[in-house]
């Protein structure tokens, strides 16, 4: 499974780690992904999704059904 948020689409970024001597080494910045079971009252069931911490806040704000529907998971 790809390291990608199912709601926001956040994926790893690539950049350089720059030392004090200005040596550059490639590095990856991974999204803060969590595996969550979310209860959807409209469907009367749980749905397991792999989402970022930012997406969890969005689900809490807008509601599970609306957010998952916009993401195309329902």
C-alpha atoms as a PDB file:
ATOM      1  CA  UNK A   1       0.000   0.000   0.000  1.00  0.00           C
ATOM      2  CA  UNK A   2       1.322   3.428  -0.926  1.00  0.00           C
ATOM      3  CA  UNK A   3       2.181   5.938   1.768  1.00  0.00           C
ATOM      4  CA  UNK A   4      -0.622   8.242   0.735  1.00  0.00           C
ATOM      5  CA  UNK A   5      -3.588   9.689   2.620  1.00  0.00           C
ATOM      6  CA  UNK A   6      -6.890   8.369   1.257  1.00  0.00           C
ATOM      7  CA  UNK A   7      -8.688  11.657   1.941  1.00  0.00           C
ATOM      8  CA  UNK A   8      -6.271  14.536   1.352  1.00  0.00           C
ATOM      9  CA  UNK A   9      -3.913  12.746  -1.045  1.00  0.00           C
ATOM     10  CA  UNK A  10      -0.821  13.763   0.937  1.00  0.00           C
ATOM     11  CA  UNK A  11       2.244  11.771  -0.184  1.00  0.00           C
ATOM     12  CA  UNK A  12       5.955  11.767   0.710  1.00  0.00           C
ATOM     13  CA  UNK A  13       8.036  14.787  -0.274  1.00  0.00           C
ATOM     14  CA  UNK A  14      11.657  14.571  -1.417  1.00  0.00           C
ATOM     15  CA  UNK A  15      14.326  17.067  -0.420  1.00  0.00           C
ATOM     16  CA  UNK A  16      17.860  17.443   0.814  1.00  0.00           C
ATOM     17  CA  UNK A  17      19.269  17.133   4.311  1.00  0.00           C
ATOM     18  CA  UNK A  18      21.922  19.868   4.419  1.00  0.00           C
ATOM     19  CA  UNK A  19      24.685  19.520   7.010  1.00  0.00           C
ATOM     20  CA  UNK A  20      26.661  22.332   8.618  1.00  0.00           C
ATOM     21  CA  UNK A  21      29.418  21.675   6.046  1.00  0.00           C
ATOM     22  CA  UNK A  22      26.744  22.079   3.345  1.00  0.00           C
ATOM     23  CA  UNK A  23      26.884  18.420   2.288  1.00  0.00           C
ATOM     24  CA  UNK A  24      23.607  17.424   0.669  1.00  0.00           C
ATOM     25  CA  UNK A  25      21.985  14.022   1.096  1.00  0.00           C
ATOM     26  CA  UNK A  26      18.558  13.054  -0.264  1.00  0.00           C
ATOM     27  CA  UNK A  27      15.840  12.508   2.328  1.00  0.00           C
ATOM     28  CA  UNK A  28      12.096  11.868   2.410  1.00  0.00           C
ATOM     29  CA  UNK A  29       9.485  13.656   4.479  1.00  0.00           C
ATOM     30  CA  UNK A  30       6.697  11.153   5.148  1.00  0.00           C
ATOM     31  CA  UNK A  31       3.105  12.175   5.943  1.00  0.00           C
ATOM     32  CA  UNK A  32       1.773  11.431   9.433  1.00  0.00           C
ATOM     33  CA  UNK A  33      -0.455   8.499   8.448  1.00  0.00           C
ATOM     34  CA  UNK A  34      -2.733   6.714  10.898  1.00  0.00           C
ATOM     35  CA  UNK A  35      -4.969   3.687  10.367  1.00  0.00           C
ATOM     36  CA  UNK A  36      -8.397   4.635  11.766  1.00  0.00           C
ATOM     37  CA  UNK A  37     -11.750   2.915  12.151  1.00  0.00           C
ATOM     38  CA  UNK A  38     -14.394   5.594  11.652  1.00  0.00           C
ATOM     39  CA  UNK A  39     -18.043   5.033  12.494  1.00  0.00           C
ATOM     40  CA  UNK A  40     -20.436   6.377   9.855  1.00  0.00           C
ATOM     41  CA  UNK A  41     -23.895   6.796  11.439  1.00  0.00           C
ATOM     42  CA  UNK A  42     -25.656   7.143   8.065  1.00  0.00           C
ATOM     43  CA  UNK A  43     -24.414   3.681   7.028  1.00  0.00           C
ATOM     44  CA  UNK A  44     -24.554   2.217  10.576  1.00  0.00           C
ATOM     45  CA  UNK A  45     -21.086   0.670  10.206  1.00  0.00           C
ATOM     46  CA  UNK A  46     -17.375   1.242  10.654  1.00  0.00           C
ATOM     47  CA  UNK A  47     -14.989   2.030   7.785  1.00  0.00           C
ATOM     48  CA  UNK A  48     -11.222   1.555   8.072  1.00  0.00           C
ATOM     49  CA  UNK A  49      -9.166   4.225   6.327  1.00  0.00           C
ATOM     50  CA  UNK A  50      -5.501   5.209   6.219  1.00  0.00           C
ATOM     51  CA  UNK A  51      -5.500   8.958   6.770  1.00  0.00           C
ATOM     52  CA  UNK A  52      -3.160  11.751   7.801  1.00  0.00           C
ATOM     53  CA  UNK A  53      -3.520  13.630  11.071  1.00  0.00           C
ATOM     54  CA  UNK A  54      -4.807  16.632   9.096  1.00  0.00           C
ATOM     55  CA  UNK A  55      -7.548  14.471   7.547  1.00  0.00           C
ATOM     56  CA  UNK A  56      -8.642  13.267  11.001  1.00  0.00           C
ATOM     57  CA  UNK A  57      -9.182  16.905  11.997  1.00  0.00           C
ATOM     58  CA  UNK A  58     -11.174  17.448   8.781  1.00  0.00           C
ATOM     59  CA  UNK A  59     -13.368  14.430   9.561  1.00  0.00           C
ATOM     60  CA  UNK A  60     -14.010  15.759  13.075  1.00  0.00           C
ATOM     61  CA  UNK A  61     -14.958  19.169  11.673  1.00  0.00           C
ATOM     62  CA  UNK A  62     -17.120  18.228   8.656  1.00  0.00           C
ATOM     63  CA  UNK A  63     -18.391  14.794   9.662  1.00  0.00           C
ATOM     64  CA  UNK A  64     -17.396  11.328   8.491  1.00  0.00           C
ATOM     65  CA  UNK A  65     -20.096  10.799   5.839  1.00  0.00           C
ATOM     66  CA  UNK A  66     -19.531  14.114   4.020  1.00  0.00           C
ATOM     67  CA  UNK A  67     -15.725  13.860   4.077  1.00  0.00           C
ATOM     68  CA  UNK A  68     -15.595  10.227   2.921  1.00  0.00           C
ATOM     69  CA  UNK A  69     -18.139  10.965   0.196  1.00  0.00           C
ATOM     70  CA  UNK A  70     -16.053  13.870  -1.173  1.00  0.00           C
ATOM     71  CA  UNK A  71     -12.980  11.612  -1.182  1.00  0.00           C
ATOM     72  CA  UNK A  72     -14.881   8.997  -3.181  1.00  0.00           C
ATOM     73  CA  UNK A  73     -14.602   6.280  -0.542  1.00  0.00           C
ATOM     74  CA  UNK A  74     -18.375   5.811  -0.244  1.00  0.00           C
END
